[in-house]
Amino acid sequence: MYVCSCFGITEQQVREHADKGACTPRKIASACKAGTDCGSCVRRIQALLGRGACPRRELADQGDADVLGADTALIPASAPVEAVAA
Protein backbone atom coordinates (compact mmCIF):
# COMPACT_ATOMS: atom_id res chain seq x y z
CA MET A 1 0.00 0.00 0.00
CA TYR A 2 1.25 3.47 -0.84
CA VAL A 3 2.15 5.75 2.05
CA CYS A 4 3.37 8.73 0.03
CA SER A 5 1.50 9.21 -3.22
CA CYS A 6 3.61 12.27 -4.11
CA PHE A 7 6.73 10.12 -4.50
CA GLY A 8 5.20 6.63 -4.82
CA ILE A 9 6.64 5.31 -1.55
CA THR A 10 5.09 2.15 -0.13
CA GLU A 11 4.77 0.86 3.42
CA GLN A 12 7.34 -1.82 2.60
CA GLN A 13 9.85 0.80 1.46
CA VAL A 14 9.36 2.78 4.69
CA ARG A 15 9.93 -0.41 6.71
CA GLU A 16 13.06 -1.22 4.71
CA HIS A 17 14.48 2.26 5.36
CA ALA A 18 13.62 1.88 9.07
CA ASP A 19 15.45 -1.46 9.17
CA LYS A 20 18.50 0.33 7.78
CA GLY A 21 18.36 2.96 10.55
CA ALA A 22 15.94 5.64 9.35
CA CYS A 23 13.94 5.62 12.57
CA THR A 24 12.27 9.04 12.39
CA PRO A 25 10.05 10.70 9.79
CA ARG A 26 12.91 13.13 9.10
CA LYS A 27 15.32 10.26 8.39
CA ILE A 28 12.72 8.59 6.16
CA ALA A 29 12.37 11.88 4.27
CA SER A 30 16.13 12.02 3.79
CA ALA A 31 16.18 8.44 2.54
CA CYS A 32 13.32 8.59 0.04
CA LYS A 33 11.64 12.06 0.10
CA ALA A 34 8.41 10.70 1.64
CA GLY A 35 6.75 13.46 3.64
CA THR A 36 8.59 16.32 1.97
CA ASP A 37 5.96 17.48 -0.51
CA CYS A 38 2.37 17.83 0.71
CA GLY A 39 3.05 16.26 4.13
CA SER A 40 -0.17 14.25 4.29
CA CYS A 41 1.78 11.00 4.78
CA VAL A 42 3.84 12.08 7.79
CA ARG A 43 1.37 10.73 10.35
CA ARG A 44 1.20 7.39 8.55
CA ILE A 45 5.00 7.24 8.50
CA GLN A 46 5.04 7.97 12.23
CA ALA A 47 2.54 5.15 12.78
CA LEU A 48 4.61 2.73 10.70
CA LEU A 49 7.77 3.57 12.62
CA GLY A 50 6.05 3.08 15.96
CA ARG A 51 8.04 1.95 18.99
CA GLY A 52 8.91 -1.54 17.75
CA ALA A 53 9.69 -0.82 14.11
CA CYS A 54 13.23 0.44 14.61
CA PRO A 55 15.91 -1.95 15.85
CA ARG A 56 17.90 0.97 17.29
CA ARG A 57 14.98 2.78 18.97
CA GLU A 58 15.48 1.00 22.31
CA LEU A 59 19.07 2.26 22.54
CA ALA A 60 17.94 5.78 21.70
CA ASP A 61 15.24 5.63 24.35
CA GLN A 62 17.97 4.71 26.84
CA GLY A 63 19.78 7.95 26.03
CA ASP A 64 22.24 6.99 23.29
CA ALA A 65 21.62 9.90 20.89
CA ASP A 66 24.38 8.77 18.50
CA VAL A 67 22.57 5.55 17.66
CA LEU A 68 19.99 7.39 15.52
CA GLY A 69 22.57 9.53 13.80
CA ALA A 70 22.20 12.68 15.89
CA ASP A 71 24.86 15.22 15.09
CA THR A 72 26.15 15.81 18.60
CA ALA A 73 28.59 18.43 17.35
CA LEU A 74 25.60 20.72 16.86
CA ILE A 75 24.18 20.10 20.33
CA PRO A 76 25.61 22.34 23.07
CA ALA A 77 27.08 20.39 25.96
CA SER A 78 24.84 22.36 28.33
CA ALA A 79 21.65 21.33 26.51
CA PRO A 80 19.21 19.42 28.73
CA VAL A 81 18.58 15.81 27.72
CA GLU A 82 14.90 16.60 27.09
CA ALA A 83 15.86 19.19 24.46
CA VAL A 84 18.15 16.75 22.66
CA ALA A 85 15.55 13.97 22.59
CA ALA A 86 12.83 16.20 21.13
PDB file of N, CA and C in Angstrom:
ATOM      1  N   MET A   1       0.848  -1.169   0.000  1.00  0.00           N
ATOM      2  CA  MET A   1       0.000   0.000   0.000  1.00  0.00           C
ATOM      3  C   MET A   1       0.899   1.239   0.000  1.00  0.00           C
ATOM      4  N   TYR A   2       0.484   2.233  -0.766  1.00  0.00           N
ATOM      5  CA  TYR A   2       1.250   3.474  -0.839  1.00  0.00           C
ATOM      6  C   TYR A   2       1.066   4.303   0.427  1.00  0.00           C
ATOM      7  N   VAL A   3       2.169   4.841   0.913  1.00  0.00           N
ATOM      8  CA  VAL A   3       2.152   5.751   2.051  1.00  0.00           C
ATOM      9  C   VAL A   3       2.235   7.173   1.521  1.00  0.00           C
ATOM     10  N   CYS A   4       3.143   7.405   0.607  1.00  0.00           N
ATOM     11  CA  CYS A   4       3.369   8.726   0.026  1.00  0.00           C
ATOM     12  C   CYS A   4       3.025   8.668  -1.458  1.00  0.00           C
ATOM     13  N   SER A   5       1.894   9.236  -1.817  1.00  0.00           N
ATOM     14  CA  SER A   5       1.503   9.208  -3.224  1.00  0.00           C
ATOM     15  C   SER A   5       2.268  10.248  -4.038  1.00  0.00           C
ATOM     16  N   CYS A   6       2.815  11.261  -3.395  1.00  0.00           N
ATOM     17  CA  CYS A   6       3.606  12.266  -4.115  1.00  0.00           C
ATOM     18  C   CYS A   6       4.858  11.653  -4.745  1.00  0.00           C
ATOM     19  N   PHE A   7       5.492  10.727  -4.021  1.00  0.00           N
ATOM     20  CA  PHE A   7       6.729  10.123  -4.500  1.00  0.00           C
ATOM     21  C   PHE A   7       6.611   8.615  -4.722  1.00  0.00           C
ATOM     22  N   GLY A   8       5.413   8.052  -4.565  1.00  0.00           N
ATOM     23  CA  GLY A   8       5.198   6.630  -4.823  1.00  0.00           C
ATOM     24  C   GLY A   8       5.918   5.714  -3.854  1.00  0.00           C
ATOM     25  N   ILE A   9       5.951   6.096  -2.571  1.00  0.00           N
ATOM     26  CA  ILE A   9       6.642   5.312  -1.548  1.00  0.00           C
ATOM     27  C   ILE A   9       5.638   4.405  -0.846  1.00  0.00           C
ATOM     28  N   THR A  10       5.984   3.135  -0.740  1.00  0.00           N
ATOM     29  CA  THR A  10       5.091   2.150  -0.129  1.00  0.00           C
ATOM     30  C   THR A  10       5.435   1.916   1.341  1.00  0.00           C
ATOM     31  N   GLU A  11       4.518   1.247   2.038  1.00  0.00           N
ATOM     32  CA  GLU A  11       4.766   0.857   3.425  1.00  0.00           C
ATOM     33  C   GLU A  11       6.019  -0.004   3.519  1.00  0.00           C
ATOM     34  N   GLN A  12       6.172  -0.923   2.595  1.00  0.00           N
ATOM     35  CA  GLN A  12       7.336  -1.816   2.595  1.00  0.00           C
ATOM     36  C   GLN A  12       8.632  -1.023   2.470  1.00  0.00           C
ATOM     37  N   GLN A  13       8.646  -0.016   1.617  1.00  0.00           N
ATOM     38  CA  GLN A  13       9.846   0.800   1.461  1.00  0.00           C
ATOM     39  C   GLN A  13      10.171   1.559   2.748  1.00  0.00           C
ATOM     40  N   VAL A  14       9.154   2.084   3.414  1.00  0.00           N
ATOM     41  CA  VAL A  14       9.364   2.779   4.688  1.00  0.00           C
ATOM     42  C   VAL A  14       9.953   1.804   5.707  1.00  0.00           C
ATOM     43  N   ARG A  15       9.413   0.597   5.773  1.00  0.00           N
ATOM     44  CA  ARG A  15       9.927  -0.406   6.713  1.00  0.00           C
ATOM     45  C   ARG A  15      11.375  -0.783   6.395  1.00  0.00           C
ATOM     46  N   GLU A  16      11.694  -0.888   5.105  1.00  0.00           N
ATOM     47  CA  GLU A  16      13.063  -1.216   4.706  1.00  0.00           C
ATOM     48  C   GLU A  16      14.034  -0.114   5.128  1.00  0.00           C
ATOM     49  N   HIS A  17      13.641   1.133   4.936  1.00  0.00           N
ATOM     50  CA  HIS A  17      14.484   2.257   5.362  1.00  0.00           C
ATOM     51  C   HIS A  17      14.631   2.271   6.887  1.00  0.00           C
ATOM     52  N   ALA A  18      13.559   1.941   7.601  1.00  0.00           N
ATOM     53  CA  ALA A  18      13.621   1.881   9.072  1.00  0.00           C
ATOM     54  C   ALA A  18      14.570   0.783   9.519  1.00  0.00           C
ATOM     55  N   ASP A  19      14.543  -0.357   8.847  1.00  0.00           N
ATOM     56  CA  ASP A  19      15.453  -1.458   9.172  1.00  0.00           C
ATOM     57  C   ASP A  19      16.910  -1.068   8.971  1.00  0.00           C
ATOM     58  N   LYS A  20      17.137  -0.129   8.061  1.00  0.00           N
ATOM     59  CA  LYS A  20      18.504   0.335   7.784  1.00  0.00           C
ATOM     60  C   LYS A  20      18.900   1.505   8.677  1.00  0.00           C
ATOM     61  N   GLY A  21      17.993   1.917   9.594  1.00  0.00           N
ATOM     62  CA  GLY A  21      18.357   2.959  10.550  1.00  0.00           C
ATOM     63  C   GLY A  21      17.598   4.258  10.446  1.00  0.00           C
ATOM     64  N   ALA A  22      16.726   4.414   9.477  1.00  0.00           N
ATOM     65  CA  ALA A  22      15.939   5.641   9.349  1.00  0.00           C
ATOM     66  C   ALA A  22      14.727   5.539  10.277  1.00  0.00           C
ATOM     67  N   CYS A  23      14.933   5.889  11.535  1.00  0.00           N
ATOM     68  CA  CYS A  23      13.937   5.621  12.573  1.00  0.00           C
ATOM     69  C   CYS A  23      13.043   6.807  12.928  1.00  0.00           C
ATOM     70  N   THR A  24      13.133   7.877  12.160  1.00  0.00           N
ATOM     71  CA  THR A  24      12.275   9.035  12.392  1.00  0.00           C
ATOM     72  C   THR A  24      11.708   9.478  11.054  1.00  0.00           C
ATOM     73  N   PRO A  25      10.589  10.194  11.064  1.00  0.00           N
ATOM     74  CA  PRO A  25      10.054  10.703   9.793  1.00  0.00           C
ATOM     75  C   PRO A  25      11.073  11.554   9.032  1.00  0.00           C
ATOM     76  N   ARG A  26      11.890  12.306   9.749  1.00  0.00           N
ATOM     77  CA  ARG A  26      12.907  13.135   9.096  1.00  0.00           C
ATOM     78  C   ARG A  26      13.951  12.269   8.390  1.00  0.00           C
ATOM     79  N   LYS A  27      14.347  11.169   9.013  1.00  0.00           N
ATOM     80  CA  LYS A  27      15.320  10.259   8.391  1.00  0.00           C
ATOM     81  C   LYS A  27      14.702   9.542   7.186  1.00  0.00           C
ATOM     82  N   ILE A  28      13.424   9.192   7.297  1.00  0.00           N
ATOM     83  CA  ILE A  28      12.721   8.591   6.157  1.00  0.00           C
ATOM     84  C   ILE A  28      12.690   9.581   5.007  1.00  0.00           C
ATOM     85  N   ALA A  29      12.398  10.843   5.309  1.00  0.00           N
ATOM     86  CA  ALA A  29      12.372  11.879   4.274  1.00  0.00           C
ATOM     87  C   ALA A  29      13.726  12.011   3.591  1.00  0.00           C
ATOM     88  N   SER A  30      14.788  11.937   4.369  1.00  0.00           N
ATOM     89  CA  SER A  30      16.133  12.018   3.790  1.00  0.00           C
ATOM     90  C   SER A  30      16.436  10.814   2.904  1.00  0.00           C
ATOM     91  N   ALA A  31      15.903   9.668   3.283  1.00  0.00           N
ATOM     92  CA  ALA A  31      16.181   8.438   2.545  1.00  0.00           C
ATOM     93  C   ALA A  31      15.400   8.338   1.242  1.00  0.00           C
ATOM     94  N   CYS A  32      14.146   8.832   1.225  1.00  0.00           N
ATOM     95  CA  CYS A  32      13.318   8.588   0.038  1.00  0.00           C
ATOM     96  C   CYS A  32      12.377   9.730  -0.331  1.00  0.00           C
ATOM     97  N   LYS A  33      12.454  10.859   0.350  1.00  0.00           N
ATOM     98  CA  LYS A  33      11.642  12.059   0.103  1.00  0.00           C
ATOM     99  C   LYS A  33      10.217  11.965   0.611  1.00  0.00           C
ATOM    100  N   ALA A  34       9.790  10.819   1.127  1.00  0.00           N
ATOM    101  CA  ALA A  34       8.414  10.698   1.636  1.00  0.00           C
ATOM    102  C   ALA A  34       8.184  11.730   2.739  1.00  0.00           C
ATOM    103  N   GLY A  35       7.098  12.465   2.638  1.00  0.00           N
ATOM    104  CA  GLY A  35       6.754  13.458   3.642  1.00  0.00           C
ATOM    105  C   GLY A  35       7.280  14.847   3.361  1.00  0.00           C
ATOM    106  N   THR A  36       7.988  15.019   2.243  1.00  0.00           N
ATOM    107  CA  THR A  36       8.591  16.322   1.972  1.00  0.00           C
ATOM    108  C   THR A  36       7.795  17.195   1.010  1.00  0.00           C
ATOM    109  N   ASP A  37       6.726  16.674   0.429  1.00  0.00           N
ATOM    110  CA  ASP A  37       5.959  17.483  -0.515  1.00  0.00           C
ATOM    111  C   ASP A  37       4.703  18.020   0.168  1.00  0.00           C
ATOM    112  N   CYS A  38       3.610  17.307   0.114  1.00  0.00           N
ATOM    113  CA  CYS A  38       2.371  17.825   0.709  1.00  0.00           C
ATOM    114  C   CYS A  38       2.291  17.571   2.215  1.00  0.00           C
ATOM    115  N   GLY A  39       3.008  16.548   2.697  1.00  0.00           N
ATOM    116  CA  GLY A  39       3.048  16.258   4.130  1.00  0.00           C
ATOM    117  C   GLY A  39       1.914  15.408   4.654  1.00  0.00           C
ATOM    118  N   SER A  40       0.989  15.012   3.810  1.00  0.00           N
ATOM    119  CA  SER A  40      -0.166  14.248   4.293  1.00  0.00           C
ATOM    120  C   SER A  40       0.209  12.842   4.762  1.00  0.00           C
ATOM    121  N   CYS A  41       1.383  12.355   4.404  1.00  0.00           N
ATOM    122  CA  CYS A  41       1.776  10.998   4.777  1.00  0.00           C
ATOM    123  C   CYS A  41       2.592  10.937   6.072  1.00  0.00           C
ATOM    124  N   VAL A  42       2.945  12.075   6.635  1.00  0.00           N
ATOM    125  CA  VAL A  42       3.839  12.084   7.795  1.00  0.00           C
ATOM    126  C   VAL A  42       3.249  11.309   8.970  1.00  0.00           C
ATOM    127  N   ARG A  43       1.980  11.466   9.237  1.00  0.00           N
ATOM    128  CA  ARG A  43       1.366  10.726  10.353  1.00  0.00           C
ATOM    129  C   ARG A  43       1.365   9.222  10.103  1.00  0.00           C
ATOM    130  N   ARG A  44       1.166   8.825   8.880  1.00  0.00           N
ATOM    131  CA  ARG A  44       1.199   7.393   8.547  1.00  0.00           C
ATOM    132  C   ARG A  44       2.624   6.856   8.706  1.00  0.00           C
ATOM    133  N   ILE A  45       3.604   7.642   8.314  1.00  0.00           N
ATOM    134  CA  ILE A  45       5.001   7.237   8.496  1.00  0.00           C
ATOM    135  C   ILE A  45       5.306   7.096   9.977  1.00  0.00           C
ATOM    136  N   GLN A  46       4.842   8.046  10.780  1.00  0.00           N
ATOM    137  CA  GLN A  46       5.043   7.968  12.229  1.00  0.00           C
ATOM    138  C   GLN A  46       4.421   6.692  12.780  1.00  0.00           C
ATOM    139  N   ALA A  47       3.227   6.364  12.314  1.00  0.00           N
ATOM    140  CA  ALA A  47       2.542   5.151  12.783  1.00  0.00           C
ATOM    141  C   ALA A  47       3.306   3.904  12.370  1.00  0.00           C
ATOM    142  N   LEU A  48       3.846   3.890  11.163  1.00  0.00           N
ATOM    143  CA  LEU A  48       4.611   2.732  10.702  1.00  0.00           C
ATOM    144  C   LEU A  48       5.892   2.558  11.503  1.00  0.00           C
ATOM    145  N   LEU A  49       6.524   3.657  11.853  1.00  0.00           N
ATOM    146  CA  LEU A  49       7.769   3.575  12.615  1.00  0.00           C
ATOM    147  C   LEU A  49       7.513   3.077  14.024  1.00  0.00           C
ATOM    148  N   GLY A  50       6.446   3.552  14.644  1.00  0.00           N
ATOM    149  CA  GLY A  50       6.054   3.082  15.965  1.00  0.00           C
ATOM    150  C   GLY A  50       7.218   2.841  16.898  1.00  0.00           C
ATOM    151  N   ARG A  51       6.985   2.238  18.010  1.00  0.00           N
ATOM    152  CA  ARG A  51       8.042   1.949  18.986  1.00  0.00           C
ATOM    153  C   ARG A  51       8.839   0.713  18.614  1.00  0.00           C
ATOM    154  N   GLY A  52       8.210  -0.284  17.998  1.00  0.00           N
ATOM    155  CA  GLY A  52       8.912  -1.536  17.748  1.00  0.00           C
ATOM    156  C   GLY A  52       9.508  -1.661  16.365  1.00  0.00           C
ATOM    157  N   ALA A  53       9.281  -0.695  15.494  1.00  0.00           N
ATOM    158  CA  ALA A  53       9.693  -0.824  14.105  1.00  0.00           C
ATOM    159  C   ALA A  53      11.180  -0.582  13.877  1.00  0.00           C
ATOM    160  N   CYS A  54      11.836   0.079  14.814  1.00  0.00           N
ATOM    161  CA  CYS A  54      13.235   0.439  14.609  1.00  0.00           C
ATOM    162  C   CYS A  54      14.134  -0.361  15.537  1.00  0.00           C
ATOM    163  N   PRO A  55      15.047  -1.127  14.991  1.00  0.00           N
ATOM    164  CA  PRO A  55      15.907  -1.950  15.846  1.00  0.00           C
ATOM    165  C   PRO A  55      16.790  -1.127  16.773  1.00  0.00           C
ATOM    166  N   ARG A  56      17.036   0.148  16.452  1.00  0.00           N
ATOM    167  CA  ARG A  56      17.897   0.975  17.294  1.00  0.00           C
ATOM    168  C   ARG A  56      17.126   1.891  18.231  1.00  0.00           C
ATOM    169  N   ARG A  57      15.797   1.886  18.156  1.00  0.00           N
ATOM    170  CA  ARG A  57      14.985   2.780  18.972  1.00  0.00           C
ATOM    171  C   ARG A  57      15.196   2.541  20.471  1.00  0.00           C
ATOM    172  N   GLU A  58      15.304   1.300  20.881  1.00  0.00           N
ATOM    173  CA  GLU A  58      15.483   0.996  22.306  1.00  0.00           C
ATOM    174  C   GLU A  58      16.745   1.661  22.854  1.00  0.00           C
ATOM    175  N   LEU A  59      17.831   1.612  22.099  1.00  0.00           N
ATOM    176  CA  LEU A  59      19.070   2.263  22.540  1.00  0.00           C
ATOM    177  C   LEU A  59      18.893   3.773  22.620  1.00  0.00           C
ATOM    178  N   ALA A  60      18.175   4.344  21.676  1.00  0.00           N
ATOM    179  CA  ALA A  60      17.938   5.784  21.696  1.00  0.00           C
ATOM    180  C   ALA A  60      17.092   6.171  22.893  1.00  0.00           C
ATOM    181  N   ASP A  61      16.090   5.366  23.199  1.00  0.00           N
ATOM    182  CA  ASP A  61      15.240   5.632  24.352  1.00  0.00           C
ATOM    183  C   ASP A  61      16.023   5.558  25.660  1.00  0.00           C
ATOM    184  N   GLN A  62      17.127   4.823  25.648  1.00  0.00           N
ATOM    185  CA  GLN A  62      17.969   4.709  26.839  1.00  0.00           C
ATOM    186  C   GLN A  62      18.970   5.858  26.931  1.00  0.00           C
ATOM    187  N   GLY A  63      18.941   6.771  25.953  1.00  0.00           N
ATOM    188  CA  GLY A  63      19.781   7.953  26.030  1.00  0.00           C
ATOM    189  C   GLY A  63      20.976   7.982  25.109  1.00  0.00           C
ATOM    190  N   ASP A  64      21.132   7.004  24.227  1.00  0.00           N
ATOM    191  CA  ASP A  64      22.245   6.993  23.292  1.00  0.00           C
ATOM    192  C   ASP A  64      21.828   7.740  22.032  1.00  0.00           C
ATOM    193  N   ALA A  65      22.051   9.062  22.015  1.00  0.00           N
ATOM    194  CA  ALA A  65      21.623   9.901  20.895  1.00  0.00           C
ATOM    195  C   ALA A  65      22.355   9.546  19.605  1.00  0.00           C
ATOM    196  N   ASP A  66      23.594   9.088  19.689  1.00  0.00           N
ATOM    197  CA  ASP A  66      24.376   8.768  18.498  1.00  0.00           C
ATOM    198  C   ASP A  66      23.796   7.614  17.694  1.00  0.00           C
ATOM    199  N   VAL A  67      23.056   6.750  18.321  1.00  0.00           N
ATOM    200  CA  VAL A  67      22.566   5.546  17.657  1.00  0.00           C
ATOM    201  C   VAL A  67      21.598   5.874  16.516  1.00  0.00           C
ATOM    202  N   LEU A  68      20.908   7.002  16.583  1.00  0.00           N
ATOM    203  CA  LEU A  68      19.990   7.386  15.519  1.00  0.00           C
ATOM    204  C   LEU A  68      20.610   8.413  14.581  1.00  0.00           C
ATOM    205  N   GLY A  69      21.888   8.629  14.716  1.00  0.00           N
ATOM    206  CA  GLY A  69      22.567   9.531  13.798  1.00  0.00           C
ATOM    207  C   GLY A  69      22.480  10.988  14.194  1.00  0.00           C
ATOM    208  N   ALA A  70      22.242  11.294  15.451  1.00  0.00           N
ATOM    209  CA  ALA A  70      22.198  12.680  15.890  1.00  0.00           C
ATOM    210  C   ALA A  70      23.580  13.296  15.736  1.00  0.00           C
ATOM    211  N   ASP A  71      23.601  14.506  15.246  1.00  0.00           N
ATOM    212  CA  ASP A  71      24.863  15.216  15.090  1.00  0.00           C
ATOM    213  C   ASP A  71      25.167  15.935  16.389  1.00  0.00           C
ATOM    214  N   THR A  72      25.890  15.270  17.271  1.00  0.00           N
ATOM    215  CA  THR A  72      26.146  15.810  18.599  1.00  0.00           C
ATOM    216  C   THR A  72      27.054  17.020  18.557  1.00  0.00           C
ATOM    217  N   ALA A  73      27.751  17.246  17.453  1.00  0.00           N
ATOM    218  CA  ALA A  73      28.592  18.431  17.354  1.00  0.00           C
ATOM    219  C   ALA A  73      27.745  19.696  17.332  1.00  0.00           C
ATOM    220  N   LEU A  74      26.489  19.569  16.927  1.00  0.00           N
ATOM    221  CA  LEU A  74      25.598  20.720  16.861  1.00  0.00           C
ATOM    222  C   LEU A  74      24.818  20.931  18.143  1.00  0.00           C
ATOM    223  N   ILE A  75      24.921  20.015  19.082  1.00  0.00           N
ATOM    224  CA  ILE A  75      24.180  20.098  20.334  1.00  0.00           C
ATOM    225  C   ILE A  75      25.099  20.643  21.416  1.00  0.00           C
ATOM    226  N   PRO A  76      24.752  21.802  22.010  1.00  0.00           N
ATOM    227  CA  PRO A  76      25.606  22.335  23.066  1.00  0.00           C
ATOM    228  C   PRO A  76      25.700  21.370  24.233  1.00  0.00           C
ATOM    229  N   ALA A  77      26.868  21.301  24.835  1.00  0.00           N
ATOM    230  CA  ALA A  77      27.082  20.387  25.964  1.00  0.00           C
ATOM    231  C   ALA A  77      26.159  20.706  27.128  1.00  0.00           C
ATOM    232  N   SER A  78      25.720  21.951  27.232  1.00  0.00           N
ATOM    233  CA  SER A  78      24.844  22.356  28.331  1.00  0.00           C
ATOM    234  C   SER A  78      23.372  22.084  28.044  1.00  0.00           C
ATOM    235  N   ALA A  79      23.042  21.583  26.853  1.00  0.00           N
ATOM    236  CA  ALA A  79      21.645  21.330  26.510  1.00  0.00           C
ATOM    237  C   ALA A  79      21.068  20.246  27.382  1.00  0.00           C
ATOM    238  N   PRO A  80      19.848  20.466  27.918  1.00  0.00           N
ATOM    239  CA  PRO A  80      19.214  19.420  28.732  1.00  0.00           C
ATOM    240  C   PRO A  80      18.871  18.215  27.857  1.00  0.00           C
ATOM    241  N   VAL A  81      18.860  17.056  28.450  1.00  0.00           N
ATOM    242  CA  VAL A  81      18.585  15.815  27.723  1.00  0.00           C
ATOM    243  C   VAL A  81      17.220  15.883  27.037  1.00  0.00           C
ATOM    244  N   GLU A  82      16.234  16.499  27.669  1.00  0.00           N
ATOM    245  CA  GLU A  82      14.896  16.599  27.093  1.00  0.00           C
ATOM    246  C   GLU A  82      14.951  17.363  25.772  1.00  0.00           C
ATOM    247  N   ALA A  83      15.764  18.398  25.679  1.00  0.00           N
ATOM    248  CA  ALA A  83      15.861  19.191  24.459  1.00  0.00           C
ATOM    249  C   ALA A  83      16.508  18.397  23.340  1.00  0.00           C
ATOM    250  N   VAL A  84      17.455  17.552  23.651  1.00  0.00           N
ATOM    251  CA  VAL A  84      18.149  16.750  22.661  1.00  0.00           C
ATOM    252  C   VAL A  84      17.230  15.654  22.123  1.00  0.00           C
ATOM    253  N   ALA A  85      16.425  15.069  22.982  1.00  0.00           N
ATOM    254  CA  ALA A  85      15.555  13.969  22.592  1.00  0.00           C
ATOM    255  C   ALA A  85      14.361  14.434  21.774  1.00  0.00           C
ATOM    256  N   ALA A  86      14.013  15.689  21.833  1.00  0.00           N
ATOM    257  CA  ALA A  86      12.825  16.205  21.134  1.00  0.00           C
ATOM    258  C   ALA A  86      13.000  16.249  19.649  1.00  0.00           C
TER     259      ALA A  86
END
